[in-house]
Amino acid sequence: MTTDQSVLNRIEKLVAEEERLWSGGRPSDPELKRLKEIEVELDRAWDLLRQRRARREFGQDPDDAELRPAGIVRTYRDE
């Protein structure tokens, strides 16, 4: 079961990995690829957390929130 805390834990792990990859100086090509993946995963996790909070705020079940595809979440940022 997904909870707000489990989503936050995932975000924290991704941020820690991102910081670790940047801390070694100029990232290698594989590290840059992973950093892009982390960016997308973070966007999706934050989106899920926002969905859960909004559902709760409006009296809906936060467990009905779904992890949206990366393409959908990424287009929100570009608007």
PDB file of N, CA and C in Angstrom:
ATOM      1  N   MET A   1       0.839  -1.186   0.000  1.00  0.00           N
ATOM      2  CA  MET A   1       0.000   0.000   0.000  1.00  0.00           C
ATOM      3  C   MET A   1       0.882   1.247   0.000  1.00  0.00           C
ATOM      4  N   THR A   2       0.504   2.203  -0.821  1.00  0.00           N
ATOM      5  CA  THR A   2       1.220   3.463  -0.886  1.00  0.00           C
ATOM      6  C   THR A   2       0.653   4.422   0.158  1.00  0.00           C
ATOM      7  N   THR A   3       1.544   5.055   0.877  1.00  0.00           N
ATOM      8  CA  THR A   3       1.165   6.080   1.843  1.00  0.00           C
ATOM      9  C   THR A   3       1.950   7.347   1.513  1.00  0.00           C
ATOM     10  N   ASP A   4       1.527   8.458   2.090  1.00  0.00           N
ATOM     11  CA  ASP A   4       2.290   9.685   1.892  1.00  0.00           C
ATOM     12  C   ASP A   4       3.728   9.472   2.355  1.00  0.00           C
ATOM     13  N   GLN A   5       3.883   8.791   3.479  1.00  0.00           N
ATOM     14  CA  GLN A   5       5.226   8.574   4.018  1.00  0.00           C
ATOM     15  C   GLN A   5       6.071   7.711   3.088  1.00  0.00           C
ATOM     16  N   SER A   6       5.472   6.713   2.465  1.00  0.00           N
ATOM     17  CA  SER A   6       6.253   5.870   1.551  1.00  0.00           C
ATOM     18  C   SER A   6       6.680   6.662   0.317  1.00  0.00           C
ATOM     19  N   VAL A   7       5.831   7.571  -0.134  1.00  0.00           N
ATOM     20  CA  VAL A   7       6.198   8.424  -1.267  1.00  0.00           C
ATOM     21  C   VAL A   7       7.318   9.374  -0.841  1.00  0.00           C
ATOM     22  N   LEU A   8       7.199   9.965   0.335  1.00  0.00           N
ATOM     23  CA  LEU A   8       8.250  10.853   0.842  1.00  0.00           C
ATOM     24  C   LEU A   8       9.568  10.110   1.027  1.00  0.00           C
ATOM     25  N   ASN A   9       9.503   8.874   1.501  1.00  0.00           N
ATOM     26  CA  ASN A   9      10.720   8.073   1.656  1.00  0.00           C
ATOM     27  C   ASN A   9      11.388   7.849   0.303  1.00  0.00           C
ATOM     28  N   ARG A  10      10.593   7.571  -0.717  1.00  0.00           N
ATOM     29  CA  ARG A  10      11.122   7.376  -2.070  1.00  0.00           C
ATOM     30  C   ARG A  10      11.773   8.663  -2.569  1.00  0.00           C
ATOM     31  N   ILE A  11      11.119   9.788  -2.329  1.00  0.00           N
ATOM     32  CA  ILE A  11      11.683  11.080  -2.735  1.00  0.00           C
ATOM     33  C   ILE A  11      13.025  11.308  -2.046  1.00  0.00           C
ATOM     34  N   GLU A  12      13.090  11.036  -0.759  1.00  0.00           N
ATOM     35  CA  GLU A  12      14.335  11.232  -0.005  1.00  0.00           C
ATOM     36  C   GLU A  12      15.459  10.354  -0.557  1.00  0.00           C
ATOM     37  N   LYS A  13      15.146   9.107  -0.897  1.00  0.00           N
ATOM     38  CA  LYS A  13      16.160   8.209  -1.457  1.00  0.00           C
ATOM     39  C   LYS A  13      16.670   8.719  -2.805  1.00  0.00           C
ATOM     40  N   LEU A  14      15.740   9.189  -3.627  1.00  0.00           N
ATOM     41  CA  LEU A  14      16.137   9.700  -4.935  1.00  0.00           C
ATOM     42  C   LEU A  14      16.986  10.963  -4.796  1.00  0.00           C
ATOM     43  N   VAL A  15      16.615  11.849  -3.899  1.00  0.00           N
ATOM     44  CA  VAL A  15      17.387  13.077  -3.680  1.00  0.00           C
ATOM     45  C   VAL A  15      18.781  12.731  -3.165  1.00  0.00           C
ATOM     46  N   ALA A  16      18.876  11.770  -2.268  1.00  0.00           N
ATOM     47  CA  ALA A  16      20.184  11.357  -1.751  1.00  0.00           C
ATOM     48  C   ALA A  16      21.053  10.790  -2.871  1.00  0.00           C
ATOM     49  N   GLU A  17      20.451   9.980  -3.742  1.00  0.00           N
ATOM     50  CA  GLU A  17      21.207   9.433  -4.867  1.00  0.00           C
ATOM     51  C   GLU A  17      21.655  10.546  -5.810  1.00  0.00           C
ATOM     52  N   GLU A  18      20.766  11.476  -6.066  1.00  0.00           N
ATOM     53  CA  GLU A  18      21.079  12.613  -6.936  1.00  0.00           C
ATOM     54  C   GLU A  18      22.251  13.416  -6.359  1.00  0.00           C
ATOM     55  N   GLU A  19      22.198  13.692  -5.059  1.00  0.00           N
ATOM     56  CA  GLU A  19      23.275  14.442  -4.405  1.00  0.00           C
ATOM     57  C   GLU A  19      24.594  13.682  -4.469  1.00  0.00           C
ATOM     58  N   ARG A  20      24.526  12.380  -4.293  1.00  0.00           N
ATOM     59  CA  ARG A  20      25.741  11.553  -4.352  1.00  0.00           C
ATOM     60  C   ARG A  20      26.354  11.616  -5.744  1.00  0.00           C
ATOM     61  N   LEU A  21      25.517  11.533  -6.774  1.00  0.00           N
ATOM     62  CA  LEU A  21      26.025  11.572  -8.141  1.00  0.00           C
ATOM     63  C   LEU A  21      26.647  12.922  -8.484  1.00  0.00           C
ATOM     64  N   TRP A  22      26.095  13.999  -7.971  1.00  0.00           N
ATOM     65  CA  TRP A  22      26.647  15.325  -8.239  1.00  0.00           C
ATOM     66  C   TRP A  22      27.878  15.628  -7.382  1.00  0.00           C
ATOM     67  N   SER A  23      28.027  14.958  -6.261  1.00  0.00           N
ATOM     68  CA  SER A  23      29.108  15.287  -5.320  1.00  0.00           C
ATOM     69  C   SER A  23      30.489  14.887  -5.826  1.00  0.00           C
ATOM     70  N   GLY A  24      30.551  13.998  -6.781  1.00  0.00           N
ATOM     71  CA  GLY A  24      31.849  13.528  -7.272  1.00  0.00           C
ATOM     72  C   GLY A  24      32.443  14.370  -8.371  1.00  0.00           C
ATOM     73  N   GLY A  25      31.968  15.579  -8.555  1.00  0.00           N
ATOM     74  CA  GLY A  25      32.462  16.414  -9.644  1.00  0.00           C
ATOM     75  C   GLY A  25      31.621  16.200 -10.885  1.00  0.00           C
ATOM     76  N   ARG A  26      32.251  16.320 -12.032  1.00  0.00           N
ATOM     77  CA  ARG A  26      31.533  16.164 -13.313  1.00  0.00           C
ATOM     78  C   ARG A  26      31.065  14.725 -13.458  1.00  0.00           C
ATOM     79  N   PRO A  27      29.738  14.515 -13.563  1.00  0.00           N
ATOM     80  CA  PRO A  27      29.219  13.150 -13.709  1.00  0.00           C
ATOM     81  C   PRO A  27      29.609  12.533 -15.058  1.00  0.00           C
ATOM     82  N   SER A  28      29.830  11.236 -15.034  1.00  0.00           N
ATOM     83  CA  SER A  28      30.122  10.493 -16.261  1.00  0.00           C
ATOM     84  C   SER A  28      28.842  10.388 -17.089  1.00  0.00           C
ATOM     85  N   ASP A  29      28.960   9.907 -18.311  1.00  0.00           N
ATOM     86  CA  ASP A  29      27.775   9.749 -19.160  1.00  0.00           C
ATOM     87  C   ASP A  29      26.732   8.833 -18.520  1.00  0.00           C
ATOM     88  N   PRO A  30      27.128   7.671 -17.971  1.00  0.00           N
ATOM     89  CA  PRO A  30      26.119   6.837 -17.306  1.00  0.00           C
ATOM     90  C   PRO A  30      25.482   7.530 -16.099  1.00  0.00           C
ATOM     91  N   GLU A  31      26.286   8.314 -15.384  1.00  0.00           N
ATOM     92  CA  GLU A  31      25.740   9.051 -14.239  1.00  0.00           C
ATOM     93  C   GLU A  31      24.764  10.140 -14.704  1.00  0.00           C
ATOM     94  N   LEU A  32      25.083  10.799 -15.806  1.00  0.00           N
ATOM     95  CA  LEU A  32      24.170  11.804 -16.354  1.00  0.00           C
ATOM     96  C   LEU A  32      22.858  11.165 -16.780  1.00  0.00           C
ATOM     97  N   LYS A  33      22.952   9.984 -17.366  1.00  0.00           N
ATOM     98  CA  LYS A  33      21.737   9.263 -17.753  1.00  0.00           C
ATOM     99  C   LYS A  33      20.901   8.948 -16.521  1.00  0.00           C
ATOM    100  N   ARG A  34      21.559   8.485 -15.460  1.00  0.00           N
ATOM    101  CA  ARG A  34      20.838   8.173 -14.227  1.00  0.00           C
ATOM    102  C   ARG A  34      20.241   9.433 -13.609  1.00  0.00           C
ATOM    103  N   LEU A  35      20.955  10.544 -13.668  1.00  0.00           N
ATOM    104  CA  LEU A  35      20.428  11.803 -13.140  1.00  0.00           C
ATOM    105  C   LEU A  35      19.145  12.218 -13.868  1.00  0.00           C
ATOM    106  N   LYS A  36      19.105  12.007 -15.172  1.00  0.00           N
ATOM    107  CA  LYS A  36      17.879  12.306 -15.929  1.00  0.00           C
ATOM    108  C   LYS A  36      16.742  11.393 -15.476  1.00  0.00           C
ATOM    109  N   GLU A  37      17.053  10.115 -15.263  1.00  0.00           N
ATOM    110  CA  GLU A  37      16.039   9.171 -14.783  1.00  0.00           C
ATOM    111  C   GLU A  37      15.525   9.576 -13.412  1.00  0.00           C
ATOM    112  N   ILE A  38      16.435  10.001 -12.550  1.00  0.00           N
ATOM    113  CA  ILE A  38      16.053  10.442 -11.204  1.00  0.00           C
ATOM    114  C   ILE A  38      15.132  11.655 -11.297  1.00  0.00           C
ATOM    115  N   GLU A  39      15.461  12.583 -12.182  1.00  0.00           N
ATOM    116  CA  GLU A  39      14.635  13.783 -12.350  1.00  0.00           C
ATOM    117  C   GLU A  39      13.194  13.401 -12.708  1.00  0.00           C
ATOM    118  N   VAL A  40      13.052  12.457 -13.624  1.00  0.00           N
ATOM    119  CA  VAL A  40      11.724  12.009 -14.036  1.00  0.00           C
ATOM    120  C   VAL A  40      11.020  11.300 -12.881  1.00  0.00           C
ATOM    121  N   GLU A  41      11.747  10.419 -12.187  1.00  0.00           N
ATOM    122  CA  GLU A  41      11.160   9.704 -11.052  1.00  0.00           C
ATOM    123  C   GLU A  41      10.720  10.663  -9.956  1.00  0.00           C
ATOM    124  N   LEU A  42      11.524  11.697  -9.703  1.00  0.00           N
ATOM    125  CA  LEU A  42      11.146  12.696  -8.697  1.00  0.00           C
ATOM    126  C   LEU A  42       9.886  13.453  -9.109  1.00  0.00           C
ATOM    127  N   ASP A  43       9.812  13.834 -10.366  1.00  0.00           N
ATOM    128  CA  ASP A  43       8.606  14.522 -10.856  1.00  0.00           C
ATOM    129  C   ASP A  43       7.370  13.656 -10.636  1.00  0.00           C
ATOM    130  N   ARG A  44       7.491  12.378 -10.959  1.00  0.00           N
ATOM    131  CA  ARG A  44       6.350  11.472 -10.817  1.00  0.00           C
ATOM    132  C   ARG A  44       5.979  11.281  -9.338  1.00  0.00           C
ATOM    133  N   ALA A  45       6.990  11.172  -8.473  1.00  0.00           N
ATOM    134  CA  ALA A  45       6.721  10.982  -7.049  1.00  0.00           C
ATOM    135  C   ALA A  45       6.057  12.213  -6.446  1.00  0.00           C
ATOM    136  N   TRP A  46       6.568  13.408  -6.790  1.00  0.00           N
ATOM    137  CA  TRP A  46       5.956  14.639  -6.282  1.00  0.00           C
ATOM    138  C   TRP A  46       4.527  14.775  -6.788  1.00  0.00           C
ATOM    139  N   ASP A  47       4.300  14.407  -8.047  1.00  0.00           N
ATOM    140  CA  ASP A  47       2.956  14.459  -8.604  1.00  0.00           C
ATOM    141  C   ASP A  47       2.019  13.530  -7.833  1.00  0.00           C
ATOM    142  N   LEU A  48       2.480  12.333  -7.534  1.00  0.00           N
ATOM    143  CA  LEU A  48       1.666  11.379  -6.776  1.00  0.00           C
ATOM    144  C   LEU A  48       1.342  11.929  -5.391  1.00  0.00           C
ATOM    145  N   LEU A  49       2.333  12.517  -4.741  1.00  0.00           N
ATOM    146  CA  LEU A  49       2.104  13.082  -3.417  1.00  0.00           C
ATOM    147  C   LEU A  49       1.088  14.226  -3.481  1.00  0.00           C
ATOM    148  N   ARG A  50       1.195  15.084  -4.501  1.00  0.00           N
ATOM    149  CA  ARG A  50       0.224  16.177  -4.659  1.00  0.00           C
ATOM    150  C   ARG A  50      -1.179  15.629  -4.898  1.00  0.00           C
ATOM    151  N   GLN A  51      -1.271  14.585  -5.716  1.00  0.00           N
ATOM    152  CA  GLN A  51      -2.584  13.963  -5.960  1.00  0.00           C
ATOM    153  C   GLN A  51      -3.184  13.444  -4.654  1.00  0.00           C
ATOM    154  N   ARG A  52      -2.379  12.740  -3.865  1.00  0.00           N
ATOM    155  CA  ARG A  52      -2.856  12.163  -2.609  1.00  0.00           C
ATOM    156  C   ARG A  52      -3.350  13.261  -1.670  1.00  0.00           C
ATOM    157  N   ARG A  53      -2.582  14.335  -1.567  1.00  0.00           N
ATOM    158  CA  ARG A  53      -2.955  15.432  -0.670  1.00  0.00           C
ATOM    159  C   ARG A  53      -4.224  16.129  -1.154  1.00  0.00           C
ATOM    160  N   ALA A  54      -4.335  16.326  -2.458  1.00  0.00           N
ATOM    161  CA  ALA A  54      -5.527  16.983  -3.004  1.00  0.00           C
ATOM    162  C   ALA A  54      -6.767  16.115  -2.783  1.00  0.00           C
ATOM    163  N   ARG A  55      -6.641  14.823  -3.008  1.00  0.00           N
ATOM    164  CA  ARG A  55      -7.775  13.919  -2.787  1.00  0.00           C
ATOM    165  C   ARG A  55      -8.220  13.973  -1.326  1.00  0.00           C
ATOM    166  N   ARG A  56      -7.266  13.946  -0.429  1.00  0.00           N
ATOM    167  CA  ARG A  56      -7.595  13.995   0.999  1.00  0.00           C
ATOM    168  C   ARG A  56      -8.288  15.315   1.334  1.00  0.00           C
ATOM    169  N   GLU A  57      -7.768  16.407   0.799  1.00  0.00           N
ATOM    170  CA  GLU A  57      -8.329  17.733   1.068  1.00  0.00           C
ATOM    171  C   GLU A  57      -9.785  17.835   0.618  1.00  0.00           C
ATOM    172  N   PHE A  58     -10.132  17.151  -0.459  1.00  0.00           N
ATOM    173  CA  PHE A  58     -11.486  17.232  -0.994  1.00  0.00           C
ATOM    174  C   PHE A  58     -12.343  16.030  -0.629  1.00  0.00           C
ATOM    175  N   GLY A  59     -11.947  15.329   0.448  1.00  0.00           N
ATOM    176  CA  GLY A  59     -12.764  14.251   0.985  1.00  0.00           C
ATOM    177  C   GLY A  59     -12.765  12.976   0.156  1.00  0.00           C
ATOM    178  N   GLN A  60     -11.784  12.834  -0.704  1.00  0.00           N
ATOM    179  CA  GLN A  60     -11.683  11.627  -1.520  1.00  0.00           C
ATOM    180  C   GLN A  60     -10.601  10.714  -0.944  1.00  0.00           C
ATOM    181  N   ASP A  61     -10.602   9.488  -1.393  1.00  0.00           N
ATOM    182  CA  ASP A  61      -9.645   8.505  -0.911  1.00  0.00           C
ATOM    183  C   ASP A  61      -8.278   8.735  -1.558  1.00  0.00           C
ATOM    184  N   PRO A  62      -7.251   9.064  -0.776  1.00  0.00           N
ATOM    185  CA  PRO A  62      -5.924   9.285  -1.355  1.00  0.00           C
ATOM    186  C   PRO A  62      -5.344   8.027  -2.000  1.00  0.00           C
ATOM    187  N   ASP A  63      -5.829   6.862  -1.595  1.00  0.00           N
ATOM    188  CA  ASP A  63      -5.327   5.621  -2.182  1.00  0.00           C
ATOM    189  C   ASP A  63      -5.782   5.435  -3.625  1.00  0.00           C
ATOM    190  N   ASP A  64      -6.714   6.268  -4.087  1.00  0.00           N
ATOM    191  CA  ASP A  64      -7.133   6.213  -5.485  1.00  0.00           C
ATOM    192  C   ASP A  64      -6.182   6.988  -6.403  1.00  0.00           C
ATOM    193  N   ALA A  65      -5.241   7.720  -5.826  1.00  0.00           N
ATOM    194  CA  ALA A  65      -4.246   8.437  -6.626  1.00  0.00           C
ATOM    195  C   ALA A  65      -3.358   7.405  -7.313  1.00  0.00           C
ATOM    196  N   GLU A  66      -2.953   7.734  -8.524  1.00  0.00           N
ATOM    197  CA  GLU A  66      -2.141   6.803  -9.298  1.00  0.00           C
ATOM    198  C   GLU A  66      -0.860   7.472  -9.782  1.00  0.00           C
ATOM    199  N   LEU A  67       0.188   6.677  -9.847  1.00  0.00           N
ATOM    200  CA  LEU A  67       1.451   7.136 -10.405  1.00  0.00           C
ATOM    201  C   LEU A  67       1.249   7.321 -11.909  1.00  0.00           C
ATOM    202  N   ARG A  68       1.346   8.560 -12.356  1.00  0.00           N
ATOM    203  CA  ARG A  68       1.080   8.847 -13.764  1.00  0.00           C
ATOM    204  C   ARG A  68       2.317   8.567 -14.613  1.00  0.00           C
ATOM    205  N   PRO A  69       2.100   8.296 -15.895  1.00  0.00           N
ATOM    206  CA  PRO A  69       3.229   8.068 -16.801  1.00  0.00           C
ATOM    207  C   PRO A  69       4.139   9.295 -16.870  1.00  0.00           C
ATOM    208  N   ALA A  70       5.403   9.047 -17.086  1.00  0.00           N
ATOM    209  CA  ALA A  70       6.382  10.134 -17.125  1.00  0.00           C
ATOM    210  C   ALA A  70       6.023  11.194 -18.153  1.00  0.00           C
ATOM    211  N   GLY A  71       5.541  10.789 -19.315  1.00  0.00           N
ATOM    212  CA  GLY A  71       5.214  11.749 -20.365  1.00  0.00           C
ATOM    213  C   GLY A  71       4.154  12.745 -19.949  1.00  0.00           C
ATOM    214  N   ILE A  72       3.211  12.300 -19.182  1.00  0.00           N
ATOM    215  CA  ILE A  72       2.147  13.190 -18.711  1.00  0.00           C
ATOM    216  C   ILE A  72       2.692  14.156 -17.668  1.00  0.00           C
ATOM    217  N   VAL A  73       3.420  13.634 -16.721  1.00  0.00           N
ATOM    218  CA  VAL A  73       3.950  14.471 -15.638  1.00  0.00           C
ATOM    219  C   VAL A  73       4.948  15.480 -16.186  1.00  0.00           C
ATOM    220  N   ARG A  74       5.778  15.071 -17.120  1.00  0.00           N
ATOM    221  CA  ARG A  74       6.791  15.967 -17.678  1.00  0.00           C
ATOM    222  C   ARG A  74       6.157  17.133 -18.436  1.00  0.00           C
ATOM    223  N   THR A  75       5.023  16.912 -19.072  1.00  0.00           N
ATOM    224  CA  THR A  75       4.390  18.007 -19.816  1.00  0.00           C
ATOM    225  C   THR A  75       3.845  19.066 -18.880  1.00  0.00           C
ATOM    226  N   TYR A  76       3.515  18.700 -17.636  1.00  0.00           N
ATOM    227  CA  TYR A  76       3.052  19.695 -16.660  1.00  0.00           C
ATOM    228  C   TYR A  76       4.143  20.714 -16.381  1.00  0.00           C
ATOM    229  N   ARG A  77       5.367  20.255 -16.314  1.00  0.00           N
ATOM    230  CA  ARG A  77       6.487  21.152 -16.019  1.00  0.00           C
ATOM    231  C   ARG A  77       6.733  22.132 -17.144  1.00  0.00           C
ATOM    232  N   ASP A  78       6.436  21.721 -18.369  1.00  0.00           N
ATOM    233  CA  ASP A  78       6.747  22.541 -19.532  1.00  0.00           C
ATOM    234  C   ASP A  78       5.691  23.610 -19.804  1.00  0.00           C
ATOM    235  N   GLU A  79       4.590  23.560 -19.082  1.00  0.00           N
ATOM    236  CA  GLU A  79       3.537  24.536 -19.332  1.00  0.00           C
ATOM    237  C   GLU A  79       3.781  25.816 -18.588  1.00  0.00           C
TER     238      GLU A  79
END
